[in-house]
Amino acid sequence: MAKLNQLARNGTATVALILSGLVAASSPAVAGNIALGKEKADQACAACHGVDGLKPVVASYPILAGQYEDYLLRALTNYKSGARKNAIMAGMAAPLTKEDIANLAAYYASLPGPMKIIKR
C-alpha cells in the first residue's frame, strides 16, 4: 500500500517516465547518415525512382524525395519483413540492413520534394 501511495504522489513523474519510454520505443534504433544514404540510393534506388528520387521511370512508382523519414523507415522495414507486399520492393529491400534503411530514409527525407504551398 505504501508503494501505491508513493506512486500516486509521484504520478506526474510516473506518467513522464512512461511517456519517455514510449517515445524511445518508437524512435529508430539507428540514426540515418544522409551521405551514406545517397550512396546506397545511387546504387539501389535511382534506376527506378530516378536520381534524387524525383523522376520515377514509371508513373506509378512513388517520388521519394521529401517523404517523411519515419514513413520511409516503416515502408522499407515492412517490405523487408513481408508485412507490406510488393514483389519488386521486397526483392530490393531484402538485402538492406537496418543501417541502410535508416540512411536511405534520412537521405530522401532531407531532399526537397515536389509538393509546394500555393498562396492565394
PDB file of N, CA and C in Angstrom:
ATOM      1  N   MET A   1       0.820  -1.197   0.000  1.00  0.00           N
ATOM      2  CA  MET A   1       0.000   0.000   0.000  1.00  0.00           C
ATOM      3  C   MET A   1       0.864   1.261   0.000  1.00  0.00           C
ATOM      4  N   ALA A   2       1.952   1.227   0.746  1.00  0.00           N
ATOM      5  CA  ALA A   2       2.853   2.376   0.781  1.00  0.00           C
ATOM      6  C   ALA A   2       3.407   2.651  -0.612  1.00  0.00           C
ATOM      7  N   LYS A   3       3.677   1.585  -1.345  1.00  0.00           N
ATOM      8  CA  LYS A   3       4.195   1.734  -2.713  1.00  0.00           C
ATOM      9  C   LYS A   3       3.175   2.430  -3.611  1.00  0.00           C
ATOM     10  N   LEU A   4       1.884   2.058  -3.484  1.00  0.00           N
ATOM     11  CA  LEU A   4       0.827   2.692  -4.270  1.00  0.00           C
ATOM     12  C   LEU A   4       0.682   4.158  -3.920  1.00  0.00           C
ATOM     13  N   ASN A   5       0.739   4.486  -2.624  1.00  0.00           N
ATOM     14  CA  ASN A   5       0.648   5.882  -2.205  1.00  0.00           C
ATOM     15  C   ASN A   5       1.814   6.687  -2.768  1.00  0.00           C
ATOM     16  N   GLN A   6       2.985   6.091  -2.750  1.00  0.00           N
ATOM     17  CA  GLN A   6       4.162   6.780  -3.288  1.00  0.00           C
ATOM     18  C   GLN A   6       3.997   7.021  -4.789  1.00  0.00           C
ATOM     19  N   LEU A   7       3.481   6.013  -5.490  1.00  0.00           N
ATOM     20  CA  LEU A   7       3.243   6.178  -6.928  1.00  0.00           C
ATOM     21  C   LEU A   7       2.198   7.253  -7.199  1.00  0.00           C
ATOM     22  N   ALA A   8       1.146   7.294  -6.371  1.00  0.00           N
ATOM     23  CA  ALA A   8       0.110   8.306  -6.545  1.00  0.00           C
ATOM     24  C   ALA A   8       0.679   9.701  -6.327  1.00  0.00           C
ATOM     25  N   ARG A   9       1.535   9.855  -5.316  1.00  0.00           N
ATOM     26  CA  ARG A   9       2.146  11.160  -5.047  1.00  0.00           C
ATOM     27  C   ARG A   9       3.098  11.552  -6.186  1.00  0.00           C
ATOM     28  N   ASN A  10       3.715  10.567  -6.785  1.00  0.00           N
ATOM     29  CA  ASN A  10       4.661  10.813  -7.872  1.00  0.00           C
ATOM     30  C   ASN A  10       4.032  10.547  -9.232  1.00  0.00           C
ATOM     31  N   GLY A  11       2.735  10.730  -9.334  1.00  0.00           N
ATOM     32  CA  GLY A  11       2.011  10.415 -10.559  1.00  0.00           C
ATOM     33  C   GLY A  11       2.556  11.097 -11.790  1.00  0.00           C
ATOM     34  N   THR A  12       2.874  12.364 -11.656  1.00  0.00           N
ATOM     35  CA  THR A  12       3.380  13.061 -12.843  1.00  0.00           C
ATOM     36  C   THR A  12       4.728  12.517 -13.268  1.00  0.00           C
ATOM     37  N   ALA A  13       5.549  12.148 -12.296  1.00  0.00           N
ATOM     38  CA  ALA A  13       6.844  11.567 -12.646  1.00  0.00           C
ATOM     39  C   ALA A  13       6.652  10.224 -13.326  1.00  0.00           C
ATOM     40  N   THR A  14       5.678   9.448 -12.834  1.00  0.00           N
ATOM     41  CA  THR A  14       5.408   8.138 -13.422  1.00  0.00           C
ATOM     42  C   THR A  14       4.925   8.287 -14.862  1.00  0.00           C
ATOM     43  N   VAL A  15       3.997   9.214 -15.084  1.00  0.00           N
ATOM     44  CA  VAL A  15       3.491   9.442 -16.434  1.00  0.00           C
ATOM     45  C   VAL A  15       4.623   9.889 -17.348  1.00  0.00           C
ATOM     46  N   ALA A  16       5.469  10.781 -16.856  1.00  0.00           N
ATOM     47  CA  ALA A  16       6.591  11.260 -17.661  1.00  0.00           C
ATOM     48  C   ALA A  16       7.528  10.124 -18.032  1.00  0.00           C
ATOM     49  N   LEU A  17       7.790   9.233 -17.087  1.00  0.00           N
ATOM     50  CA  LEU A  17       8.658   8.096 -17.377  1.00  0.00           C
ATOM     51  C   LEU A  17       8.030   7.167 -18.402  1.00  0.00           C
ATOM     52  N   ILE A  18       6.745   6.925 -18.260  1.00  0.00           N
ATOM     53  CA  ILE A  18       6.050   6.055 -19.216  1.00  0.00           C
ATOM     54  C   ILE A  18       6.094   6.675 -20.605  1.00  0.00           C
ATOM     55  N   LEU A  19       5.781   7.974 -20.696  1.00  0.00           N
ATOM     56  CA  LEU A  19       5.787   8.636 -21.997  1.00  0.00           C
ATOM     57  C   LEU A  19       7.178   8.676 -22.606  1.00  0.00           C
ATOM     58  N   SER A  20       8.195   8.905 -21.793  1.00  0.00           N
ATOM     59  CA  SER A  20       9.549   8.916 -22.347  1.00  0.00           C
ATOM     60  C   SER A  20       9.926   7.542 -22.870  1.00  0.00           C
ATOM     61  N   GLY A  21       9.446   6.496 -22.218  1.00  0.00           N
ATOM     62  CA  GLY A  21       9.684   5.136 -22.697  1.00  0.00           C
ATOM     63  C   GLY A  21       8.989   4.879 -24.015  1.00  0.00           C
ATOM     64  N   LEU A  22       7.775   5.411 -24.164  1.00  0.00           N
ATOM     65  CA  LEU A  22       7.047   5.242 -25.421  1.00  0.00           C
ATOM     66  C   LEU A  22       7.746   5.986 -26.545  1.00  0.00           C
ATOM     67  N   VAL A  23       8.228   7.176 -26.275  1.00  0.00           N
ATOM     68  CA  VAL A  23       8.944   7.934 -27.297  1.00  0.00           C
ATOM     69  C   VAL A  23      10.207   7.196 -27.698  1.00  0.00           C
ATOM     70  N   ALA A  24      10.954   6.693 -26.713  1.00  0.00           N
ATOM     71  CA  ALA A  24      12.182   5.966 -27.017  1.00  0.00           C
ATOM     72  C   ALA A  24      11.885   4.697 -27.807  1.00  0.00           C
ATOM     73  N   ALA A  25      10.781   4.023 -27.469  1.00  0.00           N
ATOM     74  CA  ALA A  25      10.438   2.779 -28.157  1.00  0.00           C
ATOM     75  C   ALA A  25      10.030   3.038 -29.600  1.00  0.00           C
ATOM     76  N   SER A  26       9.460   4.209 -29.884  1.00  0.00           N
ATOM     77  CA  SER A  26       9.024   4.478 -31.248  1.00  0.00           C
ATOM     78  C   SER A  26      10.105   5.137 -32.094  1.00  0.00           C
ATOM     79  N   SER A  27      11.207   5.531 -31.482  1.00  0.00           N
ATOM     80  CA  SER A  27      12.298   6.159 -32.220  1.00  0.00           C
ATOM     81  C   SER A  27      13.138   5.103 -32.909  1.00  0.00           C
ATOM     82  N   PRO A  28      13.682   5.418 -34.076  1.00  0.00           N
ATOM     83  CA  PRO A  28      14.521   4.433 -34.749  1.00  0.00           C
ATOM     84  C   PRO A  28      15.774   4.150 -33.938  1.00  0.00           C
ATOM     85  N   ALA A  29      16.218   2.898 -33.984  1.00  0.00           N
ATOM     86  CA  ALA A  29      17.395   2.493 -33.224  1.00  0.00           C
ATOM     87  C   ALA A  29      18.670   3.045 -33.842  1.00  0.00           C
ATOM     88  N   VAL A  30      18.626   3.343 -35.109  1.00  0.00           N
ATOM     89  CA  VAL A  30      19.813   3.797 -35.824  1.00  0.00           C
ATOM     90  C   VAL A  30      19.518   5.169 -36.431  1.00  0.00           C
ATOM     91  N   ALA A  31      20.395   6.132 -36.169  1.00  0.00           N
ATOM     92  CA  ALA A  31      20.241   7.443 -36.797  1.00  0.00           C
ATOM     93  C   ALA A  31      20.778   7.353 -38.220  1.00  0.00           C
ATOM     94  N   GLY A  32      20.053   7.917 -39.151  1.00  0.00           N
ATOM     95  CA  GLY A  32      20.449   7.834 -40.546  1.00  0.00           C
ATOM     96  C   GLY A  32      21.564   8.795 -40.915  1.00  0.00           C
ATOM     97  N   ASN A  33      22.408   8.368 -41.821  1.00  0.00           N
ATOM     98  CA  ASN A  33      23.509   9.165 -42.350  1.00  0.00           C
ATOM     99  C   ASN A  33      23.148   9.539 -43.791  1.00  0.00           C
ATOM    100  N   ILE A  34      22.961  10.832 -44.031  1.00  0.00           N
ATOM    101  CA  ILE A  34      22.497  11.297 -45.339  1.00  0.00           C
ATOM    102  C   ILE A  34      23.481  10.944 -46.457  1.00  0.00           C
ATOM    103  N   ALA A  35      24.768  11.138 -46.205  1.00  0.00           N
ATOM    104  CA  ALA A  35      25.774  10.857 -47.250  1.00  0.00           C
ATOM    105  C   ALA A  35      25.792   9.375 -47.618  1.00  0.00           C
ATOM    106  N   LEU A  36      25.738   8.506 -46.617  1.00  0.00           N
ATOM    107  CA  LEU A  36      25.695   7.063 -46.903  1.00  0.00           C
ATOM    108  C   LEU A  36      24.382   6.676 -47.565  1.00  0.00           C
ATOM    109  N   GLY A  37      23.302   7.374 -47.195  1.00  0.00           N
ATOM    110  CA  GLY A  37      22.007   7.126 -47.830  1.00  0.00           C
ATOM    111  C   GLY A  37      22.040   7.470 -49.306  1.00  0.00           C
ATOM    112  N   LYS A  38      22.711   8.567 -49.651  1.00  0.00           N
ATOM    113  CA  LYS A  38      22.839   8.945 -51.065  1.00  0.00           C
ATOM    114  C   LYS A  38      23.615   7.882 -51.836  1.00  0.00           C
ATOM    115  N   GLU A  39      24.697   7.384 -51.250  1.00  0.00           N
ATOM    116  CA  GLU A  39      25.477   6.327 -51.918  1.00  0.00           C
ATOM    117  C   GLU A  39      24.609   5.108 -52.192  1.00  0.00           C
ATOM    118  N   LYS A  40      23.865   4.668 -51.180  1.00  0.00           N
ATOM    119  CA  LYS A  40      23.009   3.486 -51.333  1.00  0.00           C
ATOM    120  C   LYS A  40      21.891   3.774 -52.333  1.00  0.00           C
ATOM    121  N   ALA A  41      21.318   4.969 -52.286  1.00  0.00           N
ATOM    122  CA  ALA A  41      20.243   5.327 -53.217  1.00  0.00           C
ATOM    123  C   ALA A  41      20.739   5.300 -54.658  1.00  0.00           C
ATOM    124  N   ASP A  42      21.940   5.801 -54.882  1.00  0.00           N
ATOM    125  CA  ASP A  42      22.513   5.786 -56.231  1.00  0.00           C
ATOM    126  C   ASP A  42      22.709   4.357 -56.726  1.00  0.00           C
ATOM    127  N   GLN A  43      23.029   3.441 -55.821  1.00  0.00           N
ATOM    128  CA  GLN A  43      23.259   2.038 -56.191  1.00  0.00           C
ATOM    129  C   GLN A  43      21.956   1.261 -56.352  1.00  0.00           C
ATOM    130  N   ALA A  44      21.004   1.482 -55.453  1.00  0.00           N
ATOM    131  CA  ALA A  44      19.856   0.586 -55.383  1.00  0.00           C
ATOM    132  C   ALA A  44      18.522   1.188 -55.813  1.00  0.00           C
ATOM    133  N   CYS A  45      18.369   2.506 -55.738  1.00  0.00           N
ATOM    134  CA  CYS A  45      17.040   3.103 -55.910  1.00  0.00           C
ATOM    135  C   CYS A  45      16.870   3.941 -57.172  1.00  0.00           C
ATOM    136  N   ALA A  46      17.967   4.568 -57.620  1.00  0.00           N
ATOM    137  CA  ALA A  46      17.883   5.550 -58.706  1.00  0.00           C
ATOM    138  C   ALA A  46      17.368   4.963 -60.018  1.00  0.00           C
ATOM    139  N   ALA A  47      17.655   3.702 -60.274  1.00  0.00           N
ATOM    140  CA  ALA A  47      17.235   3.107 -61.547  1.00  0.00           C
ATOM    141  C   ALA A  47      15.716   3.135 -61.718  1.00  0.00           C
ATOM    142  N   CYS A  48      14.973   3.028 -60.631  1.00  0.00           N
ATOM    143  CA  CYS A  48      13.505   3.037 -60.715  1.00  0.00           C
ATOM    144  C   CYS A  48      12.896   4.365 -60.273  1.00  0.00           C
ATOM    145  N   HIS A  49      13.454   4.959 -59.213  1.00  0.00           N
ATOM    146  CA  HIS A  49      12.863   6.166 -58.637  1.00  0.00           C
ATOM    147  C   HIS A  49      13.494   7.445 -59.156  1.00  0.00           C
ATOM    148  N   GLY A  50      14.519   7.327 -59.994  1.00  0.00           N
ATOM    149  CA  GLY A  50      15.173   8.485 -60.565  1.00  0.00           C
ATOM    150  C   GLY A  50      16.246   9.059 -59.647  1.00  0.00           C
ATOM    151  N   VAL A  51      17.118   9.840 -60.252  1.00  0.00           N
ATOM    152  CA  VAL A  51      18.171  10.496 -59.488  1.00  0.00           C
ATOM    153  C   VAL A  51      17.515  11.412 -58.458  1.00  0.00           C
ATOM    154  N   ASP A  52      17.968  11.337 -57.233  1.00  0.00           N
ATOM    155  CA  ASP A  52      17.418  12.113 -56.120  1.00  0.00           C
ATOM    156  C   ASP A  52      15.941  11.818 -55.858  1.00  0.00           C
ATOM    157  N   GLY A  53      15.444  10.692 -56.362  1.00  0.00           N
ATOM    158  CA  GLY A  53      14.077  10.266 -56.057  1.00  0.00           C
ATOM    159  C   GLY A  53      12.980  11.151 -56.598  1.00  0.00           C
ATOM    160  N   LEU A  54      13.275  11.936 -57.630  1.00  0.00           N
ATOM    161  CA  LEU A  54      12.298  12.901 -58.151  1.00  0.00           C
ATOM    162  C   LEU A  54      11.604  12.502 -59.442  1.00  0.00           C
ATOM    163  N   LYS A  55      12.217  11.598 -60.220  1.00  0.00           N
ATOM    164  CA  LYS A  55      11.651  11.262 -61.526  1.00  0.00           C
ATOM    165  C   LYS A  55      11.614   9.755 -61.727  1.00  0.00           C
ATOM    166  N   PRO A  56      10.580   9.105 -61.164  1.00  0.00           N
ATOM    167  CA  PRO A  56      10.471   7.663 -61.364  1.00  0.00           C
ATOM    168  C   PRO A  56      10.345   7.310 -62.840  1.00  0.00           C
ATOM    169  N   VAL A  57      10.868   6.136 -63.207  1.00  0.00           N
ATOM    170  CA  VAL A  57      10.830   5.715 -64.605  1.00  0.00           C
ATOM    171  C   VAL A  57       9.428   5.272 -65.025  1.00  0.00           C
ATOM    172  N   VAL A  58       8.607   4.915 -64.073  1.00  0.00           N
ATOM    173  CA  VAL A  58       7.212   4.533 -64.324  1.00  0.00           C
ATOM    174  C   VAL A  58       6.350   5.449 -63.458  1.00  0.00           C
ATOM    175  N   ALA A  59       5.315   6.012 -64.041  1.00  0.00           N
ATOM    176  CA  ALA A  59       4.484   6.988 -63.325  1.00  0.00           C
ATOM    177  C   ALA A  59       3.888   6.445 -62.022  1.00  0.00           C
ATOM    178  N   SER A  60       3.674   5.152 -61.935  1.00  0.00           N
ATOM    179  CA  SER A  60       3.080   4.589 -60.721  1.00  0.00           C
ATOM    180  C   SER A  60       4.095   4.389 -59.593  1.00  0.00           C
ATOM    181  N   TYR A  61       5.380   4.533 -59.879  1.00  0.00           N
ATOM    182  CA  TYR A  61       6.403   4.436 -58.831  1.00  0.00           C
ATOM    183  C   TYR A  61       6.418   5.757 -58.060  1.00  0.00           C
ATOM    184  N   PRO A  62       6.536   5.699 -56.751  1.00  0.00           N
ATOM    185  CA  PRO A  62       6.446   6.939 -55.973  1.00  0.00           C
ATOM    186  C   PRO A  62       7.689   7.821 -56.071  1.00  0.00           C
ATOM    187  N   ILE A  63       7.455   9.108 -55.914  1.00  0.00           N
ATOM    188  CA  ILE A  63       8.544  10.071 -55.746  1.00  0.00           C
ATOM    189  C   ILE A  63       8.985   9.952 -54.289  1.00  0.00           C
ATOM    190  N   LEU A  64      10.271   9.718 -54.076  1.00  0.00           N
ATOM    191  CA  LEU A  64      10.782   9.518 -52.722  1.00  0.00           C
ATOM    192  C   LEU A  64      11.298  10.803 -52.086  1.00  0.00           C
ATOM    193  N   ALA A  65      11.747  11.739 -52.885  1.00  0.00           N
ATOM    194  CA  ALA A  65      12.296  12.991 -52.354  1.00  0.00           C
ATOM    195  C   ALA A  65      11.240  13.727 -51.541  1.00  0.00           C
ATOM    196  N   GLY A  66      11.629  14.133 -50.337  1.00  0.00           N
ATOM    197  CA  GLY A  66      10.735  14.901 -49.486  1.00  0.00           C
ATOM    198  C   GLY A  66       9.752  14.089 -48.670  1.00  0.00           C
ATOM    199  N   GLN A  67       9.784  12.763 -48.802  1.00  0.00           N
ATOM    200  CA  GLN A  67       8.903  11.929 -47.981  1.00  0.00           C
ATOM    201  C   GLN A  67       9.343  12.012 -46.519  1.00  0.00           C
ATOM    202  N   TYR A  68       8.434  11.766 -45.602  1.00  0.00           N
ATOM    203  CA  TYR A  68       8.760  11.771 -44.183  1.00  0.00           C
ATOM    204  C   TYR A  68       9.690  10.609 -43.857  1.00  0.00           C
ATOM    205  N   GLU A  69      10.691  10.894 -43.038  1.00  0.00           N
ATOM    206  CA  GLU A  69      11.681   9.881 -42.682  1.00  0.00           C
ATOM    207  C   GLU A  69      11.040   8.675 -42.012  1.00  0.00           C
ATOM    208  N   ASP A  70      10.123   8.914 -41.065  1.00  0.00           N
ATOM    209  CA  ASP A  70       9.510   7.788 -40.359  1.00  0.00           C
ATOM    210  C   ASP A  70       8.663   6.930 -41.299  1.00  0.00           C
ATOM    211  N   TYR A  71       8.036   7.555 -42.293  1.00  0.00           N
ATOM    212  CA  TYR A  71       7.272   6.793 -43.281  1.00  0.00           C
ATOM    213  C   TYR A  71       8.196   5.878 -44.089  1.00  0.00           C
ATOM    214  N   LEU A  72       9.320   6.432 -44.547  1.00  0.00           N
ATOM    215  CA  LEU A  72      10.265   5.642 -45.338  1.00  0.00           C
ATOM    216  C   LEU A  72      10.863   4.506 -44.512  1.00  0.00           C
ATOM    217  N   LEU A  73      11.185   4.788 -43.252  1.00  0.00           N
ATOM    218  CA  LEU A  73      11.687   3.724 -42.360  1.00  0.00           C
ATOM    219  C   LEU A  73      10.680   2.585 -42.266  1.00  0.00           C
ATOM    220  N   ARG A  74       9.437   2.936 -42.018  1.00  0.00           N
ATOM    221  CA  ARG A  74       8.390   1.923 -41.854  1.00  0.00           C
ATOM    222  C   ARG A  74       8.153   1.172 -43.155  1.00  0.00           C
ATOM    223  N   ALA A  75       8.065   1.892 -44.268  1.00  0.00           N
ATOM    224  CA  ALA A  75       7.784   1.248 -45.554  1.00  0.00           C
ATOM    225  C   ALA A  75       8.884   0.254 -45.917  1.00  0.00           C
ATOM    226  N   LEU A  76      10.151   0.672 -45.847  1.00  0.00           N
ATOM    227  CA  LEU A  76      11.246  -0.232 -46.204  1.00  0.00           C
ATOM    228  C   LEU A  76      11.351  -1.412 -45.243  1.00  0.00           C
ATOM    229  N   THR A  77      11.150  -1.153 -43.967  1.00  0.00           N
ATOM    230  CA  THR A  77      11.180  -2.237 -42.980  1.00  0.00           C
ATOM    231  C   THR A  77      10.065  -3.238 -43.255  1.00  0.00           C
ATOM    232  N   ASN A  78       8.893  -2.736 -43.604  1.00  0.00           N
ATOM    233  CA  ASN A  78       7.764  -3.628 -43.889  1.00  0.00           C
ATOM    234  C   ASN A  78       7.934  -4.386 -45.202  1.00  0.00           C
ATOM    235  N   TYR A  79       8.533  -3.760 -46.201  1.00  0.00           N
ATOM    236  CA  TYR A  79       8.842  -4.503 -47.432  1.00  0.00           C
ATOM    237  C   TYR A  79       9.830  -5.628 -47.114  1.00  0.00           C
ATOM    238  N   LYS A  80      10.840  -5.322 -46.326  1.00  0.00           N
ATOM    239  CA  LYS A  80      11.859  -6.316 -45.978  1.00  0.00           C
ATOM    240  C   LYS A  80      11.251  -7.493 -45.212  1.00  0.00           C
ATOM    241  N   SER A  81      10.361  -7.199 -44.257  1.00  0.00           N
ATOM    242  CA  SER A  81       9.773  -8.254 -43.425  1.00  0.00           C
ATOM    243  C   SER A  81       8.652  -9.015 -44.131  1.00  0.00           C
ATOM    244  N   GLY A  82       8.100  -8.428 -45.191  1.00  0.00           N
ATOM    245  CA  GLY A  82       6.967  -9.043 -45.871  1.00  0.00           C
ATOM    246  C   GLY A  82       5.628  -8.532 -45.374  1.00  0.00           C
ATOM    247  N   ALA A  83       5.645  -7.634 -44.376  1.00  0.00           N
ATOM    248  CA  ALA A  83       4.395  -7.073 -43.865  1.00  0.00           C
ATOM    249  C   ALA A  83       3.718  -6.188 -44.907  1.00  0.00           C
ATOM    250  N   ARG A  84       4.499  -5.616 -45.789  1.00  0.00           N
ATOM    251  CA  ARG A  84       3.971  -4.837 -46.910  1.00  0.00           C
ATOM    252  C   ARG A  84       4.329  -5.588 -48.181  1.00  0.00           C
ATOM    253  N   LYS A  85       3.349  -5.818 -49.018  1.00  0.00           N
ATOM    254  CA  LYS A  85       3.522  -6.686 -50.180  1.00  0.00           C
ATOM    255  C   LYS A  85       3.771  -5.909 -51.466  1.00  0.00           C
ATOM    256  N   ASN A  86       4.896  -6.191 -52.092  1.00  0.00           N
ATOM    257  CA  ASN A  86       5.217  -5.722 -53.427  1.00  0.00           C
ATOM    258  C   ASN A  86       6.428  -6.529 -53.863  1.00  0.00           C
ATOM    259  N   ALA A  87       6.275  -7.308 -54.900  1.00  0.00           N
ATOM    260  CA  ALA A  87       7.331  -8.232 -55.311  1.00  0.00           C
ATOM    261  C   ALA A  87       8.637  -7.515 -55.649  1.00  0.00           C
ATOM    262  N   ILE A  88       8.545  -6.394 -56.319  1.00  0.00           N
ATOM    263  CA  ILE A  88       9.767  -5.669 -56.689  1.00  0.00           C
ATOM    264  C   ILE A  88      10.446  -5.111 -55.440  1.00  0.00           C
ATOM    265  N   MET A  89       9.675  -4.422 -54.604  1.00  0.00           N
ATOM    266  CA  MET A  89      10.264  -3.794 -53.417  1.00  0.00           C
ATOM    267  C   MET A  89      10.720  -4.829 -52.383  1.00  0.00           C
ATOM    268  N   ALA A  90      10.050  -5.948 -52.308  1.00  0.00           N
ATOM    269  CA  ALA A  90      10.505  -6.991 -51.380  1.00  0.00           C
ATOM    270  C   ALA A  90      11.902  -7.455 -51.769  1.00  0.00           C
ATOM    271  N   GLY A  91      12.122  -7.631 -53.069  1.00  0.00           N
ATOM    272  CA  GLY A  91      13.443  -8.042 -53.549  1.00  0.00           C
ATOM    273  C   GLY A  91      14.503  -6.977 -53.343  1.00  0.00           C
ATOM    274  N   MET A  92      14.113  -5.717 -53.491  1.00  0.00           N
ATOM    275  CA  MET A  92      15.068  -4.624 -53.305  1.00  0.00           C
ATOM    276  C   MET A  92      15.393  -4.407 -51.826  1.00  0.00           C
ATOM    277  N   ALA A  93      14.411  -4.589 -50.956  1.00  0.00           N
ATOM    278  CA  ALA A  93      14.605  -4.335 -49.528  1.00  0.00           C
ATOM    279  C   ALA A  93      15.275  -5.502 -48.810  1.00  0.00           C
ATOM    280  N   ALA A  94      15.155  -6.693 -49.358  1.00  0.00           N
ATOM    281  CA  ALA A  94      15.682  -7.891 -48.678  1.00  0.00           C
ATOM    282  C   ALA A  94      17.140  -7.766 -48.240  1.00  0.00           C
ATOM    283  N   PRO A  95      18.056  -7.282 -49.083  1.00  0.00           N
ATOM    284  CA  PRO A  95      19.458  -7.218 -48.653  1.00  0.00           C
ATOM    285  C   PRO A  95      19.807  -6.000 -47.788  1.00  0.00           C
ATOM    286  N   LEU A  96      18.858  -5.070 -47.606  1.00  0.00           N
ATOM    287  CA  LEU A  96      19.164  -3.864 -46.848  1.00  0.00           C
ATOM    288  C   LEU A  96      19.314  -4.164 -45.356  1.00  0.00           C
ATOM    289  N   THR A  97      20.312  -3.552 -44.739  1.00  0.00           N
ATOM    290  CA  THR A  97      20.477  -3.644 -43.288  1.00  0.00           C
ATOM    291  C   THR A  97      19.628  -2.556 -42.626  1.00  0.00           C
ATOM    292  N   LYS A  98      19.492  -2.616 -41.303  1.00  0.00           N
ATOM    293  CA  LYS A  98      18.793  -1.547 -40.585  1.00  0.00           C
ATOM    294  C   LYS A  98      19.485  -0.210 -40.828  1.00  0.00           C
ATOM    295  N   GLU A  99      20.802  -0.241 -40.890  1.00  0.00           N
ATOM    296  CA  GLU A  99      21.563   0.982 -41.138  1.00  0.00           C
ATOM    297  C   GLU A  99      21.288   1.516 -42.543  1.00  0.00           C
ATOM    298  N   ASP A 100      21.234   0.616 -43.533  1.00  0.00           N
ATOM    299  CA  ASP A 100      20.919   1.037 -44.904  1.00  0.00           C
ATOM    300  C   ASP A 100      19.550   1.712 -44.947  1.00  0.00           C
ATOM    301  N   ILE A 101      18.577   1.111 -44.296  1.00  0.00           N
ATOM    302  CA  ILE A 101      17.208   1.642 -44.290  1.00  0.00           C
ATOM    303  C   ILE A 101      17.185   3.013 -43.625  1.00  0.00           C
ATOM    304  N   ALA A 102      17.856   3.149 -42.486  1.00  0.00           N
ATOM    305  CA  ALA A 102      17.907   4.440 -41.787  1.00  0.00           C
ATOM    306  C   ALA A 102      18.605   5.490 -42.646  1.00  0.00           C
ATOM    307  N   ASN A 103      19.670   5.100 -43.322  1.00  0.00           N
ATOM    308  CA  ASN A 103      20.411   6.031 -44.170  1.00  0.00           C
ATOM    309  C   ASN A 103      19.576   6.474 -45.372  1.00  0.00           C
ATOM    310  N   LEU A 104      18.904   5.531 -46.010  1.00  0.00           N
ATOM    311  CA  LEU A 104      18.046   5.872 -47.148  1.00  0.00           C
ATOM    312  C   LEU A 104      16.911   6.799 -46.722  1.00  0.00           C
ATOM    313  N   ALA A 105      16.290   6.493 -45.594  1.00  0.00           N
ATOM    314  CA  ALA A 105      15.190   7.323 -45.101  1.00  0.00           C
ATOM    315  C   ALA A 105      15.678   8.732 -44.788  1.00  0.00           C
ATOM    316  N   ALA A 106      16.841   8.847 -44.163  1.00  0.00           N
ATOM    317  CA  ALA A 106      17.403  10.164 -43.844  1.00  0.00           C
ATOM    318  C   ALA A 106      17.718  10.937 -45.122  1.00  0.00           C
ATOM    319  N   TYR A 107      18.292  10.254 -46.095  1.00  0.00           N
ATOM    320  CA  TYR A 107      18.660  10.912 -47.352  1.00  0.00           C
ATOM    321  C   TYR A 107      17.427  11.454 -48.080  1.00  0.00           C
ATOM    322  N   TYR A 108      16.447  10.592 -48.335  1.00  0.00           N
ATOM    323  CA  TYR A 108      15.280  11.040 -49.096  1.00  0.00           C
ATOM    324  C   TYR A 108      14.479  12.089 -48.334  1.00  0.00           C
ATOM    325  N   ALA A 109      14.413  11.968 -47.015  1.00  0.00           N
ATOM    326  CA  ALA A 109      13.697  12.972 -46.216  1.00  0.00           C
ATOM    327  C   ALA A 109      14.414  14.321 -46.242  1.00  0.00           C
ATOM    328  N   SER A 110      15.714  14.324 -46.465  1.00  0.00           N
ATOM    329  CA  SER A 110      16.480  15.579 -46.490  1.00  0.00           C
ATOM    330  C   SER A 110      16.310  16.358 -47.791  1.00  0.00           C
ATOM    331  N   LEU A 111      15.772  15.709 -48.810  1.00  0.00           N
ATOM    332  CA  LEU A 111      15.642  16.347 -50.128  1.00  0.00           C
ATOM    333  C   LEU A 111      14.339  17.132 -50.231  1.00  0.00           C
ATOM    334  N   PRO A 112      14.358  18.205 -50.999  1.00  0.00           N
ATOM    335  CA  PRO A 112      13.094  18.910 -51.231  1.00  0.00           C
ATOM    336  C   PRO A 112      12.212  18.073 -52.150  1.00  0.00           C
ATOM    337  N   GLY A 113      10.967  17.970 -51.798  1.00  0.00           N
ATOM    338  CA  GLY A 113      10.019  17.224 -52.622  1.00  0.00           C
ATOM    339  C   GLY A 113       9.284  18.153 -53.561  1.00  0.00           C
ATOM    340  N   PRO A 114       8.446  17.586 -54.415  1.00  0.00           N
ATOM    341  CA  PRO A 114       7.742  18.381 -55.409  1.00  0.00           C
ATOM    342  C   PRO A 114       6.525  19.120 -54.861  1.00  0.00           C
ATOM    343  N   MET A 115       6.090  18.811 -53.650  1.00  0.00           N
ATOM    344  CA  MET A 115       4.899  19.458 -53.096  1.00  0.00           C
ATOM    345  C   MET A 115       5.231  20.902 -52.738  1.00  0.00           C
ATOM    346  N   LYS A 116       4.337  21.781 -53.089  1.00  0.00           N
ATOM    347  CA  LYS A 116       4.518  23.209 -52.839  1.00  0.00           C
ATOM    348  C   LYS A 116       3.235  23.782 -52.235  1.00  0.00           C
ATOM    349  N   ILE A 117       3.396  24.800 -51.412  1.00  0.00           N
ATOM    350  CA  ILE A 117       2.255  25.517 -50.884  1.00  0.00           C
ATOM    351  C   ILE A 117       1.998  26.690 -51.825  1.00  0.00           C
ATOM    352  N   ILE A 118       0.804  26.770 -52.316  1.00  0.00           N
ATOM    353  CA  ILE A 118       0.431  27.835 -53.244  1.00  0.00           C
ATOM    354  C   ILE A 118      -0.371  28.869 -52.472  1.00  0.00           C
ATOM    355  N   LYS A 119       0.147  30.074 -52.395  1.00  0.00           N
ATOM    356  CA  LYS A 119      -0.567  31.158 -51.713  1.00  0.00           C
ATOM    357  C   LYS A 119      -1.589  31.742 -52.660  1.00  0.00           C
ATOM    358  N   ARG A 120      -2.737  32.030 -52.133  1.00  0.00           N
ATOM    359  CA  ARG A 120      -3.809  32.627 -52.956  1.00  0.00           C
ATOM    360  C   ARG A 120      -3.984  34.075 -52.646  1.00  0.00           C
TER     361      ARG A 120
END
